[in-house]
């Protein structure tokens, strides 16, 4: 279960990075902000799974 959630977190981080990069390239501030938000969401999801793993040990 944790592996699946971590995969989702990594995918979300990657998607956010792409969106942020494209937003910066075309000068779209909204897209850049959305990309940064998606990366942050992925980081939080990943941290949550790390905490859950720590308690399982």
N, C-alpha and C. Protein backbone atom coordinates (compact mmCIF):
# COMPACT_ATOMS: atom_id res chain seq x y z
N UNK A 1 0.82 -1.19 0.00
CA UNK A 1 0.00 0.00 0.00
C UNK A 1 0.87 1.26 0.00
N UNK A 2 1.86 1.27 0.83
CA UNK A 2 2.71 2.45 0.93
C UNK A 2 3.45 2.72 -0.38
N UNK A 3 3.88 1.66 -1.05
CA UNK A 3 4.57 1.83 -2.32
C UNK A 3 3.70 2.50 -3.36
N UNK A 4 2.44 2.15 -3.37
CA UNK A 4 1.50 2.75 -4.32
C UNK A 4 1.33 4.23 -4.04
N UNK A 5 1.19 4.57 -2.79
CA UNK A 5 1.02 5.98 -2.42
C UNK A 5 2.29 6.78 -2.70
N UNK A 6 3.44 6.18 -2.46
CA UNK A 6 4.69 6.87 -2.75
C UNK A 6 4.84 7.08 -4.25
N UNK A 7 4.39 6.11 -5.04
CA UNK A 7 4.44 6.26 -6.50
C UNK A 7 3.56 7.42 -6.94
N UNK A 8 2.38 7.52 -6.33
CA UNK A 8 1.48 8.62 -6.65
C UNK A 8 2.13 9.95 -6.28
N UNK A 9 2.82 9.97 -5.15
CA UNK A 9 3.49 11.20 -4.71
C UNK A 9 4.58 11.61 -5.69
N UNK A 10 5.37 10.64 -6.13
CA UNK A 10 6.43 10.94 -7.10
C UNK A 10 5.83 11.42 -8.42
N UNK A 11 4.76 10.79 -8.85
CA UNK A 11 4.12 11.21 -10.09
C UNK A 11 3.58 12.63 -9.97
N UNK A 12 3.00 12.93 -8.82
CA UNK A 12 2.46 14.27 -8.60
C UNK A 12 3.57 15.32 -8.58
N UNK A 13 4.69 14.97 -7.97
CA UNK A 13 5.83 15.88 -7.94
C UNK A 13 6.36 16.12 -9.36
N UNK A 14 6.47 15.07 -10.14
CA UNK A 14 6.98 15.20 -11.51
C UNK A 14 6.02 16.02 -12.37
N UNK A 15 4.74 15.75 -12.23
CA UNK A 15 3.73 16.49 -12.99
C UNK A 15 3.79 17.97 -12.63
N UNK A 16 3.94 18.26 -11.35
CA UNK A 16 4.04 19.64 -10.90
C UNK A 16 5.27 20.33 -11.43
N UNK A 17 6.38 19.61 -11.47
CA UNK A 17 7.63 20.18 -11.97
C UNK A 17 7.50 20.53 -13.46
N UNK A 18 6.89 19.63 -14.21
CA UNK A 18 6.69 19.89 -15.65
C UNK A 18 5.79 21.11 -15.84
N UNK A 19 4.70 21.15 -15.08
CA UNK A 19 3.77 22.26 -15.22
C UNK A 19 4.44 23.58 -14.83
N UNK A 20 5.24 23.55 -13.78
CA UNK A 20 5.95 24.76 -13.37
C UNK A 20 6.93 25.21 -14.45
N UNK A 21 7.68 24.28 -15.00
CA UNK A 21 8.67 24.60 -16.03
C UNK A 21 8.01 25.18 -17.27
N UNK A 22 6.92 24.56 -17.70
CA UNK A 22 6.20 25.06 -18.88
C UNK A 22 5.63 26.44 -18.59
N UNK A 23 5.08 26.62 -17.40
CA UNK A 23 4.54 27.91 -17.02
C UNK A 23 5.58 29.01 -17.06
N UNK A 24 6.78 28.70 -16.56
CA UNK A 24 7.86 29.69 -16.59
C UNK A 24 8.29 29.97 -18.02
N UNK A 25 8.34 28.92 -18.85
CA UNK A 25 8.79 29.08 -20.24
C UNK A 25 7.86 29.98 -21.05
N UNK A 26 6.56 29.84 -20.81
CA UNK A 26 5.61 30.63 -21.59
C UNK A 26 5.18 31.90 -20.87
N UNK A 27 5.67 32.10 -19.65
CA UNK A 27 5.34 33.31 -18.91
C UNK A 27 3.97 33.28 -18.28
N UNK A 28 3.45 32.10 -18.01
CA UNK A 28 2.12 31.95 -17.42
C UNK A 28 2.27 31.76 -15.91
N UNK A 29 1.99 32.81 -15.15
CA UNK A 29 2.16 32.76 -13.70
C UNK A 29 1.21 31.79 -13.03
N UNK A 30 0.01 31.68 -13.56
CA UNK A 30 -0.98 30.77 -12.97
C UNK A 30 -0.51 29.32 -13.09
N UNK A 31 -0.02 28.95 -14.26
CA UNK A 31 0.45 27.58 -14.46
C UNK A 31 1.67 27.31 -13.58
N UNK A 32 2.53 28.28 -13.44
CA UNK A 32 3.70 28.14 -12.58
C UNK A 32 3.27 27.89 -11.14
N UNK A 33 2.30 28.66 -10.68
CA UNK A 33 1.80 28.50 -9.31
C UNK A 33 1.13 27.15 -9.12
N UNK A 34 0.38 26.71 -10.10
CA UNK A 34 -0.27 25.40 -10.01
C UNK A 34 0.78 24.29 -9.94
N UNK A 35 1.83 24.42 -10.71
CA UNK A 35 2.91 23.43 -10.68
C UNK A 35 3.59 23.38 -9.33
N UNK A 36 3.84 24.54 -8.77
CA UNK A 36 4.46 24.59 -7.44
C UNK A 36 3.54 23.97 -6.40
N UNK A 37 2.25 24.22 -6.52
CA UNK A 37 1.28 23.65 -5.57
C UNK A 37 1.22 22.13 -5.69
N UNK A 38 1.25 21.62 -6.91
CA UNK A 38 1.23 20.17 -7.10
C UNK A 38 2.48 19.53 -6.53
N UNK A 39 3.62 20.19 -6.69
CA UNK A 39 4.85 19.66 -6.11
C UNK A 39 4.76 19.62 -4.59
N UNK A 40 4.22 20.67 -4.00
CA UNK A 40 4.07 20.72 -2.55
C UNK A 40 3.12 19.62 -2.07
N UNK A 41 2.05 19.41 -2.81
CA UNK A 41 1.10 18.36 -2.46
C UNK A 41 1.77 16.99 -2.52
N UNK A 42 2.58 16.77 -3.53
CA UNK A 42 3.32 15.51 -3.65
C UNK A 42 4.32 15.34 -2.52
N UNK A 43 4.98 16.43 -2.13
CA UNK A 43 5.93 16.38 -1.02
C UNK A 43 5.22 16.02 0.28
N UNK A 44 4.05 16.58 0.50
CA UNK A 44 3.29 16.29 1.72
C UNK A 44 2.85 14.83 1.72
N UNK A 45 2.37 14.35 0.58
CA UNK A 45 1.94 12.96 0.49
C UNK A 45 3.11 12.01 0.76
N UNK A 46 4.27 12.34 0.22
CA UNK A 46 5.45 11.50 0.42
C UNK A 46 5.87 11.51 1.89
N UNK A 47 5.84 12.68 2.52
CA UNK A 47 6.20 12.79 3.94
C UNK A 47 5.23 12.00 4.80
N UNK A 48 3.96 12.05 4.45
CA UNK A 48 2.95 11.28 5.20
C UNK A 48 3.26 9.80 5.15
N UNK A 49 3.63 9.31 3.98
CA UNK A 49 3.95 7.89 3.84
C UNK A 49 5.23 7.53 4.60
N UNK A 50 6.20 8.44 4.63
CA UNK A 50 7.42 8.19 5.40
C UNK A 50 7.10 8.06 6.89
N UNK A 51 6.20 8.91 7.38
CA UNK A 51 5.81 8.83 8.79
C UNK A 51 5.09 7.51 9.06
N UNK A 52 4.21 7.13 8.17
CA UNK A 52 3.50 5.85 8.35
C UNK A 52 4.48 4.68 8.37
N UNK A 53 5.49 4.74 7.50
CA UNK A 53 6.51 3.67 7.46
C UNK A 53 7.31 3.64 8.76
N UNK A 54 7.61 4.80 9.30
CA UNK A 54 8.38 4.87 10.55
C UNK A 54 7.62 4.21 11.70
N UNK A 55 6.30 4.37 11.73
CA UNK A 55 5.52 3.76 12.80
C UNK A 55 5.29 2.27 12.60
N UNK A 56 5.44 1.81 11.38
CA UNK A 56 5.28 0.38 11.11
C UNK A 56 6.49 -0.42 11.59
N UNK A 57 7.64 0.23 11.72
CA UNK A 57 8.87 -0.45 12.10
C UNK A 57 8.97 -0.67 13.55
